[in-house]
Amino acid sequence: MKRLYECQDRLQAQMLHDALASHHIHTVILGDYLSGAAGELSAIQFPALWVVEDDDFTLARQLVARYLTGLEVERADWRCPHCGEQIDAPFDICWNCSTPRPEG
């Protein structure tokens, strides 16, 4: 397990965790509840994102860099290959027949 990124807050940590999960990279968030005890600690500690599988670290680092610089490709609306329904960009599953968005 390798430390990938120290996040600004719990929300950013969760967003990065979810973005990496969509690329099948398993991460964990550590230290996300320590900021609540800041009065008892010598320094405020922010949540950190850790990559579980060392082999995923390089790709995870590249994806986080893209995500943080806003270069994550905007997704377009798509048409379900099973039922032909038009699906809005943010959705990965067809609302009509539950078919997942095709890759690519």
N, C-alpha and C. Protein backbone atom coordinates (compact mmCIF):
# COMPACT_ATOMS: atom_id res chain seq x y z
N MET A 1 0.85 -1.16 0.00
CA MET A 1 0.00 0.00 0.00
C MET A 1 0.91 1.23 0.00
N LYS A 2 0.54 2.23 -0.87
CA LYS A 2 1.36 3.43 -0.98
C LYS A 2 0.50 4.68 -0.82
N ARG A 3 1.08 5.67 -0.14
CA ARG A 3 0.39 6.96 0.04
C ARG A 3 0.39 7.70 -1.29
N LEU A 4 -0.79 8.09 -1.75
CA LEU A 4 -0.93 8.73 -3.05
C LEU A 4 -1.06 10.24 -2.98
N TYR A 5 -1.94 10.74 -2.10
CA TYR A 5 -2.24 12.16 -2.11
C TYR A 5 -2.85 12.60 -0.79
N GLU A 6 -2.39 13.73 -0.28
CA GLU A 6 -3.00 14.33 0.91
C GLU A 6 -4.06 15.31 0.45
N CYS A 7 -5.29 15.06 0.83
CA CYS A 7 -6.43 15.82 0.34
C CYS A 7 -6.70 17.05 1.20
N GLN A 8 -7.44 17.99 0.63
CA GLN A 8 -7.81 19.21 1.34
C GLN A 8 -8.82 18.93 2.44
N ASP A 9 -9.73 17.99 2.16
CA ASP A 9 -10.79 17.67 3.11
C ASP A 9 -11.40 16.32 2.75
N ARG A 10 -12.37 15.90 3.54
CA ARG A 10 -13.02 14.60 3.35
C ARG A 10 -13.74 14.53 2.01
N LEU A 11 -14.34 15.64 1.58
CA LEU A 11 -15.07 15.66 0.31
C LEU A 11 -14.13 15.40 -0.87
N GLN A 12 -12.99 16.08 -0.90
CA GLN A 12 -12.04 15.86 -1.99
C GLN A 12 -11.52 14.42 -1.94
N ALA A 13 -11.25 13.91 -0.76
CA ALA A 13 -10.77 12.54 -0.63
C ALA A 13 -11.78 11.56 -1.20
N GLN A 14 -13.05 11.76 -0.89
CA GLN A 14 -14.09 10.85 -1.39
C GLN A 14 -14.25 10.96 -2.90
N MET A 15 -14.16 12.19 -3.42
CA MET A 15 -14.28 12.38 -4.88
C MET A 15 -13.14 11.68 -5.62
N LEU A 16 -11.92 11.81 -5.12
CA LEU A 16 -10.79 11.13 -5.74
C LEU A 16 -10.90 9.62 -5.59
N HIS A 17 -11.33 9.17 -4.42
CA HIS A 17 -11.54 7.74 -4.18
C HIS A 17 -12.53 7.18 -5.21
N ASP A 18 -13.64 7.88 -5.41
CA ASP A 18 -14.66 7.43 -6.36
C ASP A 18 -14.15 7.47 -7.80
N ALA A 19 -13.40 8.53 -8.15
CA ALA A 19 -12.86 8.64 -9.50
C ALA A 19 -11.90 7.49 -9.79
N LEU A 20 -11.06 7.15 -8.84
CA LEU A 20 -10.13 6.03 -9.04
C LEU A 20 -10.86 4.70 -9.07
N ALA A 21 -11.89 4.57 -8.26
CA ALA A 21 -12.68 3.32 -8.27
C ALA A 21 -13.31 3.08 -9.64
N SER A 22 -13.68 4.16 -10.33
CA SER A 22 -14.27 4.01 -11.67
C SER A 22 -13.25 3.48 -12.67
N HIS A 23 -11.96 3.54 -12.30
CA HIS A 23 -10.89 2.97 -13.13
C HIS A 23 -10.37 1.66 -12.52
N HIS A 24 -11.15 1.11 -11.60
CA HIS A 24 -10.84 -0.18 -10.94
C HIS A 24 -9.55 -0.13 -10.13
N ILE A 25 -9.29 1.03 -9.51
CA ILE A 25 -8.14 1.18 -8.62
C ILE A 25 -8.67 1.27 -7.19
N HIS A 26 -8.26 0.32 -6.36
CA HIS A 26 -8.73 0.25 -4.98
C HIS A 26 -7.90 1.18 -4.10
N THR A 27 -8.58 2.11 -3.44
CA THR A 27 -7.91 3.05 -2.54
C THR A 27 -8.62 3.05 -1.19
N VAL A 28 -7.92 3.55 -0.19
CA VAL A 28 -8.52 3.78 1.13
C VAL A 28 -8.18 5.19 1.56
N ILE A 29 -9.06 5.75 2.37
CA ILE A 29 -8.85 7.09 2.93
C ILE A 29 -8.47 6.92 4.39
N LEU A 30 -7.32 7.43 4.75
CA LEU A 30 -6.85 7.33 6.13
C LEU A 30 -6.68 8.73 6.71
N GLY A 31 -6.98 8.87 7.99
CA GLY A 31 -6.81 10.14 8.67
C GLY A 31 -7.95 11.11 8.47
N ASP A 32 -9.07 10.63 7.95
CA ASP A 32 -10.16 11.55 7.64
C ASP A 32 -10.91 12.04 8.86
N TYR A 33 -10.76 11.41 9.99
CA TYR A 33 -11.46 11.86 11.18
C TYR A 33 -10.54 12.53 12.20
N LEU A 34 -9.25 12.63 11.88
CA LEU A 34 -8.31 13.23 12.82
C LEU A 34 -8.47 14.74 12.94
N SER A 35 -8.96 15.40 11.89
CA SER A 35 -9.08 16.86 11.94
C SER A 35 -10.09 17.29 12.99
N GLY A 36 -11.01 16.43 13.38
CA GLY A 36 -11.98 16.75 14.42
C GLY A 36 -11.33 16.85 15.79
N ALA A 37 -10.16 16.26 15.93
CA ALA A 37 -9.46 16.29 17.20
C ALA A 37 -8.29 17.27 17.16
N ALA A 38 -8.37 18.26 16.28
CA ALA A 38 -7.25 19.17 16.06
C ALA A 38 -6.78 19.86 17.33
N GLY A 39 -7.67 20.13 18.26
CA GLY A 39 -7.27 20.77 19.50
C GLY A 39 -6.36 19.92 20.35
N GLU A 40 -6.38 18.61 20.13
CA GLU A 40 -5.56 17.71 20.92
C GLU A 40 -4.29 17.30 20.19
N LEU A 41 -4.16 17.67 18.93
CA LEU A 41 -3.00 17.29 18.14
C LEU A 41 -2.07 18.48 17.96
N SER A 42 -0.81 18.21 17.73
CA SER A 42 0.14 19.28 17.54
C SER A 42 -0.04 19.98 16.19
N ALA A 43 -0.54 19.28 15.20
CA ALA A 43 -0.78 19.86 13.89
C ALA A 43 -2.01 19.22 13.28
N ILE A 44 -2.72 19.98 12.49
CA ILE A 44 -3.91 19.44 11.82
C ILE A 44 -3.46 18.47 10.75
N GLN A 45 -4.08 17.32 10.71
CA GLN A 45 -3.75 16.32 9.71
C GLN A 45 -4.92 16.19 8.77
N PHE A 46 -4.64 16.18 7.47
CA PHE A 46 -5.68 16.07 6.46
C PHE A 46 -5.82 14.63 6.01
N PRO A 47 -6.99 14.28 5.47
CA PRO A 47 -7.17 12.90 4.99
C PRO A 47 -6.21 12.59 3.85
N ALA A 48 -5.69 11.39 3.84
CA ALA A 48 -4.77 10.96 2.80
C ALA A 48 -5.37 9.78 2.04
N LEU A 49 -5.14 9.77 0.75
CA LEU A 49 -5.61 8.70 -0.11
C LEU A 49 -4.45 7.74 -0.35
N TRP A 50 -4.68 6.48 -0.08
CA TRP A 50 -3.66 5.45 -0.24
C TRP A 50 -4.12 4.44 -1.29
N VAL A 51 -3.20 4.03 -2.16
CA VAL A 51 -3.48 2.99 -3.17
C VAL A 51 -3.15 1.65 -2.55
N VAL A 52 -4.09 0.74 -2.59
CA VAL A 52 -3.92 -0.57 -1.96
C VAL A 52 -2.92 -1.44 -2.70
N GLU A 53 -3.05 -1.52 -4.02
CA GLU A 53 -2.15 -2.36 -4.83
C GLU A 53 -1.02 -1.50 -5.37
N ASP A 54 0.22 -1.82 -5.01
CA ASP A 54 1.37 -1.04 -5.45
C ASP A 54 1.46 -0.92 -6.98
N ASP A 55 1.02 -1.95 -7.69
CA ASP A 55 1.08 -1.94 -9.15
C ASP A 55 0.16 -0.87 -9.76
N ASP A 56 -0.84 -0.41 -9.01
CA ASP A 56 -1.77 0.60 -9.51
C ASP A 56 -1.30 2.03 -9.24
N PHE A 57 -0.19 2.18 -8.52
CA PHE A 57 0.23 3.50 -8.04
C PHE A 57 0.52 4.49 -9.17
N THR A 58 1.27 4.07 -10.18
CA THR A 58 1.65 4.98 -11.26
C THR A 58 0.43 5.49 -12.01
N LEU A 59 -0.47 4.57 -12.36
CA LEU A 59 -1.69 4.98 -13.05
C LEU A 59 -2.55 5.87 -12.15
N ALA A 60 -2.65 5.54 -10.89
CA ALA A 60 -3.44 6.34 -9.95
C ALA A 60 -2.89 7.75 -9.86
N ARG A 61 -1.58 7.89 -9.80
CA ARG A 61 -0.95 9.21 -9.73
C ARG A 61 -1.28 10.03 -10.98
N GLN A 62 -1.24 9.40 -12.14
CA GLN A 62 -1.57 10.09 -13.40
C GLN A 62 -3.04 10.52 -13.42
N LEU A 63 -3.93 9.64 -12.96
CA LEU A 63 -5.36 9.96 -12.95
C LEU A 63 -5.67 11.09 -11.98
N VAL A 64 -5.04 11.09 -10.81
CA VAL A 64 -5.26 12.16 -9.84
C VAL A 64 -4.77 13.49 -10.42
N ALA A 65 -3.62 13.48 -11.08
CA ALA A 65 -3.09 14.71 -11.69
C ALA A 65 -4.06 15.24 -12.74
N ARG A 66 -4.58 14.36 -13.58
CA ARG A 66 -5.56 14.77 -14.60
C ARG A 66 -6.81 15.31 -13.95
N TYR A 67 -7.28 14.63 -12.93
CA TYR A 67 -8.51 15.03 -12.25
C TYR A 67 -8.35 16.41 -11.61
N LEU A 68 -7.23 16.61 -10.95
CA LEU A 68 -7.00 17.87 -10.23
C LEU A 68 -6.76 19.05 -11.16
N THR A 69 -6.26 18.80 -12.34
CA THR A 69 -6.02 19.89 -13.29
C THR A 69 -7.20 20.09 -14.23
N GLY A 70 -8.26 19.34 -14.01
CA GLY A 70 -9.47 19.52 -14.82
C GLY A 70 -9.37 18.93 -16.21
N LEU A 71 -8.40 18.06 -16.43
CA LEU A 71 -8.25 17.48 -17.76
C LEU A 71 -9.03 16.19 -17.93
N GLU A 72 -9.78 15.83 -16.91
CA GLU A 72 -10.62 14.64 -17.02
C GLU A 72 -11.59 14.87 -18.18
N VAL A 73 -11.63 13.97 -19.11
CA VAL A 73 -12.44 14.14 -20.32
C VAL A 73 -13.91 14.25 -19.95
N GLU A 74 -14.53 15.28 -20.47
CA GLU A 74 -15.97 15.45 -20.26
C GLU A 74 -16.69 14.34 -21.03
N ARG A 75 -17.63 13.72 -20.39
CA ARG A 75 -18.37 12.63 -21.02
C ARG A 75 -19.59 13.19 -21.73
N ALA A 76 -19.93 12.57 -22.82
CA ALA A 76 -21.06 13.01 -23.62
C ALA A 76 -22.28 12.14 -23.32
N ASP A 77 -23.45 12.65 -23.70
CA ASP A 77 -24.65 11.83 -23.65
C ASP A 77 -24.40 10.58 -24.48
N TRP A 78 -25.11 9.51 -24.18
CA TRP A 78 -24.90 8.27 -24.91
C TRP A 78 -26.22 7.56 -25.16
N ARG A 79 -26.20 6.66 -26.13
CA ARG A 79 -27.38 5.88 -26.48
C ARG A 79 -27.16 4.45 -26.04
N CYS A 80 -28.16 3.91 -25.34
CA CYS A 80 -28.07 2.53 -24.84
C CYS A 80 -27.99 1.55 -26.01
N PRO A 81 -26.97 0.69 -26.01
CA PRO A 81 -26.85 -0.28 -27.11
C PRO A 81 -27.91 -1.38 -27.07
N HIS A 82 -28.57 -1.53 -25.93
CA HIS A 82 -29.56 -2.59 -25.79
C HIS A 82 -30.96 -2.13 -26.20
N CYS A 83 -31.42 -0.99 -25.64
CA CYS A 83 -32.80 -0.56 -25.91
C CYS A 83 -32.89 0.71 -26.75
N GLY A 84 -31.74 1.39 -26.98
CA GLY A 84 -31.74 2.58 -27.82
C GLY A 84 -32.12 3.87 -27.10
N GLU A 85 -32.31 3.81 -25.80
CA GLU A 85 -32.71 5.00 -25.04
C GLU A 85 -31.55 6.00 -24.98
N GLN A 86 -31.87 7.30 -25.09
CA GLN A 86 -30.87 8.36 -24.95
C GLN A 86 -30.64 8.61 -23.46
N ILE A 87 -29.36 8.56 -23.02
CA ILE A 87 -29.01 8.69 -21.61
C ILE A 87 -28.12 9.92 -21.43
N ASP A 88 -28.38 10.70 -20.39
CA ASP A 88 -27.57 11.88 -20.10
C ASP A 88 -26.17 11.48 -19.67
N ALA A 89 -25.20 12.34 -19.96
CA ALA A 89 -23.77 12.08 -19.75
C ALA A 89 -23.40 11.59 -18.35
N PRO A 90 -23.93 12.15 -17.27
CA PRO A 90 -23.45 11.72 -15.95
C PRO A 90 -23.81 10.28 -15.57
N PHE A 91 -24.74 9.68 -16.29
CA PHE A 91 -25.23 8.36 -15.90
C PHE A 91 -24.47 7.25 -16.60
N ASP A 92 -24.12 6.22 -15.85
CA ASP A 92 -23.37 5.09 -16.39
C ASP A 92 -24.23 3.85 -16.62
N ILE A 93 -25.50 3.93 -16.26
CA ILE A 93 -26.42 2.81 -16.43
C ILE A 93 -27.70 3.33 -17.07
N CYS A 94 -28.21 2.61 -18.03
CA CYS A 94 -29.46 2.99 -18.70
C CYS A 94 -30.61 2.94 -17.70
N TRP A 95 -31.35 4.02 -17.62
CA TRP A 95 -32.47 4.09 -16.67
C TRP A 95 -33.61 3.16 -17.10
N ASN A 96 -33.67 2.83 -18.38
CA ASN A 96 -34.78 2.04 -18.91
C ASN A 96 -34.56 0.52 -18.75
N CYS A 97 -33.33 0.06 -19.04
CA CYS A 97 -33.12 -1.40 -19.05
C CYS A 97 -31.92 -1.85 -18.19
N SER A 98 -31.24 -0.90 -17.52
CA SER A 98 -30.13 -1.19 -16.62
C SER A 98 -28.86 -1.69 -17.32
N THR A 99 -28.73 -1.44 -18.61
CA THR A 99 -27.52 -1.82 -19.33
C THR A 99 -26.42 -0.80 -19.01
N PRO A 100 -25.21 -1.25 -18.68
CA PRO A 100 -24.12 -0.31 -18.39
C PRO A 100 -23.65 0.43 -19.64
N ARG A 101 -23.11 1.62 -19.42
CA ARG A 101 -22.53 2.42 -20.52
C ARG A 101 -21.41 1.62 -21.17
N PRO A 102 -21.37 1.58 -22.50
CA PRO A 102 -20.26 0.88 -23.17
C PRO A 102 -18.94 1.60 -22.91
N GLU A 103 -17.86 0.86 -22.83
CA GLU A 103 -16.53 1.44 -22.64
C GLU A 103 -16.10 2.13 -23.93
N GLY A 104 -15.30 3.19 -23.73
CA GLY A 104 -14.69 3.86 -24.89
C GLY A 104 -15.47 4.90 -25.46
